[in-house]
Amino acid sequence: MMVLDHNTYAESWTDVITKATPLFKDYYEKEKEFFLKIDLAGKTVLDVGCGEGRFTNLLAKKSKEVVGIDINESELEVAKKANADLKNVTFFHENCLKMHFADSFFDYVFAPDLIANLADKKVSAIKEMVRVAKQNGKIFITAYSENALADRIKSYIAAKVPYHIIDEKKGFVLLDLGADVLNHPSEQFSKQDLMELCQQAGQTKVTVQPLNKIAYVCVIDVQK
């Protein structure tokens, strides 16, 4: 079995983001603007796949408490240092498929740019987010839209990341992000795809709206 070097993955993905197309950069800006409009006063928040904490810091300044989790240890160290002055932020090295938090612990759960990389574990991840979210809490998921493939490929080429298109219609791509991270999945979704994933996770109070041409935000009003 191949062991994935998630630290190598992070370095490669940073290159992709740095050399992203204008539409990608617009996506990241629209994503940030959307999150900043959410009223988080008094809320306990989970940032799933927080990476280097690019959203954790913003969420912490608006909420009661923020917890960030990621499977990448080196990125978590960067996040800890970047947020060292914030007393309401905690980080854990953790897999989003099996979190240690109690049931119904968080008011809001954020999962930016996460499910595109989870292959057949997407529904399991959403179910786990639902588990740790409170009844009538909210889960915010962002993802590539069905129109994103061309810009994704341009960004991979600019960052010199080898890629293999497995299903062009569905936008399913495997990425080689370093010698120890081969065939890393990345995919995109239609509005209906996202609705169906949430339904498979037992959630029906769901809205999906475009952030721009190549991205959606999916909001789950958690029902248990």
Protein backbone atom coordinates (compact mmCIF):
# COMPACT_ATOMS: atom_id res chain seq x y z
CA MET A 1 0.00 0.00 0.00
CA MET A 2 1.30 3.44 -0.91
CA VAL A 3 1.59 5.87 2.01
CA LEU A 4 0.67 9.39 0.97
CA ASP A 5 3.07 12.14 1.92
CA HIS A 6 0.56 14.87 2.72
CA ASN A 7 3.35 17.39 3.29
CA THR A 8 4.54 16.98 -0.30
CA TYR A 9 0.92 17.30 -1.37
CA ALA A 10 0.64 20.64 0.43
CA GLU A 11 3.71 22.06 -1.32
CA SER A 12 2.39 21.04 -4.74
CA TRP A 13 -1.08 22.38 -4.03
CA THR A 14 0.35 25.71 -2.88
CA ASP A 15 1.95 25.98 -6.34
CA VAL A 16 -1.41 25.33 -8.00
CA ILE A 17 -3.10 28.07 -5.95
CA THR A 18 -0.27 30.53 -6.53
CA LYS A 19 -0.43 30.02 -10.30
CA ALA A 20 -4.21 29.77 -10.54
CA THR A 21 -6.17 31.26 -13.43
CA PRO A 22 -8.14 34.51 -12.97
CA LEU A 23 -11.38 32.54 -12.56
CA PHE A 24 -9.79 30.44 -9.83
CA LYS A 25 -8.57 33.55 -8.02
CA ASP A 26 -12.05 35.03 -8.34
CA TYR A 27 -13.46 31.82 -6.87
CA TYR A 28 -11.20 32.09 -3.81
CA GLU A 29 -12.16 35.76 -3.36
CA LYS A 30 -15.90 35.05 -3.70
CA GLU A 31 -15.53 32.15 -1.26
CA LYS A 32 -13.92 34.47 1.29
CA GLU A 33 -16.59 37.14 0.77
CA PHE A 34 -19.37 34.59 1.28
CA PHE A 35 -17.89 33.29 4.54
CA LEU A 36 -17.31 36.81 5.88
CA LYS A 37 -21.00 37.66 5.46
CA ILE A 38 -22.09 34.87 7.82
CA ASP A 39 -23.05 35.97 11.34
CA LEU A 40 -20.84 33.90 13.64
CA ALA A 41 -21.30 35.90 16.85
CA GLY A 42 -21.31 33.51 19.82
CA LYS A 43 -20.87 30.46 17.57
CA THR A 44 -18.58 27.47 17.99
CA VAL A 45 -17.10 26.70 14.57
CA LEU A 46 -15.24 23.79 12.94
CA ASP A 47 -12.91 24.39 9.98
CA VAL A 48 -12.51 21.01 8.24
CA GLY A 49 -9.37 20.63 6.13
CA CYS A 50 -8.11 23.95 7.46
CA GLY A 51 -4.63 23.60 5.94
CA GLU A 52 -2.48 26.61 6.80
CA GLY A 53 -5.49 28.35 8.33
CA ARG A 54 -6.41 30.67 5.46
CA PHE A 55 -10.01 30.77 6.71
CA THR A 56 -9.47 29.85 10.36
CA ASN A 57 -8.13 33.30 11.17
CA LEU A 58 -11.09 35.05 9.53
CA LEU A 59 -13.62 32.79 11.24
CA ALA A 60 -11.97 33.22 14.65
CA LYS A 61 -12.29 36.99 14.53
CA LYS A 62 -16.06 36.68 14.07
CA SER A 63 -16.94 33.74 16.34
CA LYS A 64 -16.75 32.52 19.93
CA GLU A 65 -14.43 29.60 19.22
CA VAL A 66 -12.88 27.93 16.16
CA VAL A 67 -11.38 24.46 15.86
CA GLY A 68 -9.32 23.63 12.77
CA ILE A 69 -8.50 20.08 11.69
CA ASP A 70 -6.31 18.76 8.91
CA ILE A 71 -4.48 15.56 8.01
CA ASN A 72 -1.36 17.51 7.05
CA GLU A 73 0.94 18.06 10.02
CA SER A 74 3.26 20.61 8.40
CA GLU A 75 0.35 22.81 7.31
CA LEU A 76 -1.10 22.63 10.82
CA GLU A 77 2.20 23.89 12.24
CA VAL A 78 2.01 26.87 9.89
CA ALA A 79 -1.60 27.47 10.96
CA LYS A 80 -0.69 27.31 14.66
CA LYS A 81 2.08 29.86 14.26
CA ALA A 82 -0.07 32.16 12.15
CA ASN A 83 -2.87 32.11 14.73
CA ALA A 84 -0.76 32.01 17.90
CA ASP A 85 -2.11 35.37 19.07
CA LEU A 86 -5.75 34.21 18.92
CA LYS A 87 -6.94 32.62 22.16
CA ASN A 88 -10.13 31.17 20.70
CA VAL A 89 -8.46 28.89 18.12
CA THR A 90 -7.43 25.25 18.55
CA PHE A 91 -5.95 22.88 15.96
CA PHE A 92 -5.96 19.08 15.76
CA HIS A 93 -4.16 16.66 13.45
CA GLU A 94 -7.17 14.64 12.42
CA ASN A 95 -8.94 12.81 9.60
CA CYS A 96 -12.28 14.30 8.57
CA LEU A 97 -13.76 10.81 8.28
CA LYS A 98 -13.36 10.06 11.99
CA MET A 99 -13.26 13.07 14.29
CA HIS A 100 -12.93 12.83 18.07
CA PHE A 101 -15.53 15.51 18.85
CA ALA A 102 -18.78 14.71 20.65
CA ASP A 103 -22.06 14.52 18.77
CA SER A 104 -23.77 17.87 18.15
CA PHE A 105 -20.76 19.89 19.34
CA PHE A 106 -20.46 22.66 16.72
CA ASP A 107 -22.89 25.38 15.68
CA TYR A 108 -21.35 25.74 12.22
CA VAL A 109 -19.04 23.52 10.16
CA PHE A 110 -16.99 24.86 7.24
CA ALA A 111 -15.46 22.55 4.61
CA PRO A 112 -13.87 24.76 1.93
CA ASP A 113 -12.52 22.97 -1.16
CA LEU A 114 -12.53 19.59 0.59
CA ILE A 115 -14.90 17.10 -0.99
CA ALA A 116 -13.29 17.34 -4.43
CA ASN A 117 -10.41 15.26 -3.04
CA LEU A 118 -12.35 12.55 -1.19
CA ALA A 119 -13.26 10.18 -4.06
CA ASP A 120 -15.72 7.58 -2.72
CA LYS A 121 -15.54 8.97 0.84
CA LYS A 122 -17.56 12.12 0.17
CA VAL A 123 -20.82 10.93 1.73
CA SER A 124 -18.97 9.48 4.73
CA ALA A 125 -17.28 12.84 5.29
CA ILE A 126 -20.58 14.73 5.09
CA LYS A 127 -22.17 12.27 7.53
CA GLU A 128 -19.33 12.86 9.98
CA MET A 129 -19.76 16.63 9.66
CA VAL A 130 -23.47 16.20 10.33
CA ARG A 131 -22.68 14.11 13.41
CA VAL A 132 -20.56 16.81 15.05
CA ALA A 133 -22.92 19.65 14.05
CA LYS A 134 -25.86 20.69 16.21
CA GLN A 135 -29.48 20.22 15.22
CA ASN A 136 -30.38 23.19 12.98
CA GLY A 137 -26.70 24.06 12.76
CA LYS A 138 -25.19 24.74 9.37
CA ILE A 139 -22.55 23.10 7.20
CA PHE A 140 -20.89 25.11 4.43
CA ILE A 141 -19.22 23.15 1.62
CA THR A 142 -17.50 24.72 -1.39
CA ALA A 143 -16.60 22.78 -4.53
CA TYR A 144 -15.67 23.09 -8.20
CA SER A 145 -18.63 23.36 -10.56
CA GLU A 146 -19.20 21.36 -13.74
CA ASN A 147 -17.62 24.26 -15.67
CA ALA A 148 -14.26 24.17 -13.88
CA LEU A 149 -12.25 21.58 -15.81
CA ALA A 150 -10.54 23.89 -18.31
CA ASP A 151 -9.36 26.26 -15.57
CA ARG A 152 -8.29 23.37 -13.37
CA ILE A 153 -6.14 21.96 -16.17
CA LYS A 154 -4.59 25.36 -16.91
CA SER A 155 -3.66 25.71 -13.23
CA TYR A 156 -2.14 22.20 -13.09
CA ILE A 157 -0.07 22.93 -16.19
CA ALA A 158 1.12 26.29 -14.82
CA ALA A 159 2.17 24.61 -11.57
CA LYS A 160 3.79 21.70 -13.47
CA VAL A 161 1.58 19.14 -11.72
CA PRO A 162 1.16 15.93 -13.77
CA TYR A 163 -2.49 15.03 -14.27
CA HIS A 164 -4.57 12.26 -15.81
CA ILE A 165 -8.12 12.95 -16.97
CA ILE A 166 -10.15 9.87 -16.09
CA ASP A 167 -13.61 11.17 -16.96
CA GLU A 168 -13.74 14.43 -18.90
CA LYS A 169 -17.53 14.69 -18.73
CA LYS A 170 -17.54 14.42 -14.94
CA GLY A 171 -14.29 16.34 -14.53
CA PHE A 172 -12.63 13.51 -12.60
CA VAL A 173 -8.85 13.92 -12.61
CA LEU A 174 -5.98 12.13 -10.89
CA LEU A 175 -3.01 14.27 -9.87
CA ASP A 176 0.61 13.32 -9.19
CA LEU A 177 1.60 15.64 -6.35
CA GLY A 178 5.12 14.40 -5.70
CA ALA A 179 6.69 10.95 -5.80
CA ASP A 180 4.68 9.68 -2.82
CA VAL A 181 1.35 11.23 -3.77
CA LEU A 182 0.29 9.59 -7.02
CA ASN A 183 -3.22 9.33 -8.42
CA HIS A 184 -4.65 11.88 -5.98
CA PRO A 185 -8.35 12.36 -6.85
CA SER A 186 -9.83 15.71 -7.79
CA GLU A 187 -13.32 16.19 -9.17
CA GLN A 188 -16.08 18.69 -9.82
CA PHE A 189 -19.83 18.72 -9.30
CA SER A 190 -23.10 19.91 -10.73
CA LYS A 191 -25.70 21.45 -8.46
CA GLN A 192 -27.63 18.18 -8.64
CA ASP A 193 -24.52 16.18 -7.71
CA LEU A 194 -24.11 18.19 -4.51
CA MET A 195 -27.79 17.91 -3.64
CA GLU A 196 -27.65 14.13 -4.10
CA LEU A 197 -24.52 13.76 -1.95
CA CYS A 198 -26.26 15.60 0.86
CA GLN A 199 -29.39 13.48 0.45
CA GLN A 200 -27.29 10.32 0.65
CA ALA A 201 -25.93 11.69 3.93
CA GLY A 202 -29.50 12.03 5.20
CA GLN A 203 -29.84 15.78 4.66
CA THR A 204 -32.69 17.34 2.68
CA LYS A 205 -32.69 20.99 3.83
CA VAL A 206 -29.96 21.97 1.39
CA THR A 207 -29.30 24.95 -0.87
CA VAL A 208 -26.65 25.18 -3.59
CA GLN A 209 -25.69 28.45 -5.25
CA PRO A 210 -22.87 29.54 -7.57
CA LEU A 211 -19.94 31.51 -6.21
CA ASN A 212 -18.81 32.16 -9.77
CA LYS A 213 -18.70 30.24 -13.07
CA ILE A 214 -16.45 27.46 -11.71
CA ALA A 215 -17.59 26.99 -8.11
CA TYR A 216 -20.59 26.34 -5.87
CA VAL A 217 -21.31 26.78 -2.20
CA CYS A 218 -23.56 24.17 -0.65
CA VAL A 219 -25.31 25.01 2.64
CA ILE A 220 -26.83 22.27 4.79
CA ASP A 221 -29.37 23.16 7.49
CA VAL A 222 -28.62 20.17 9.71
CA GLN A 223 -31.54 17.88 10.56
CA LYS A 224 -31.13 14.85 12.83
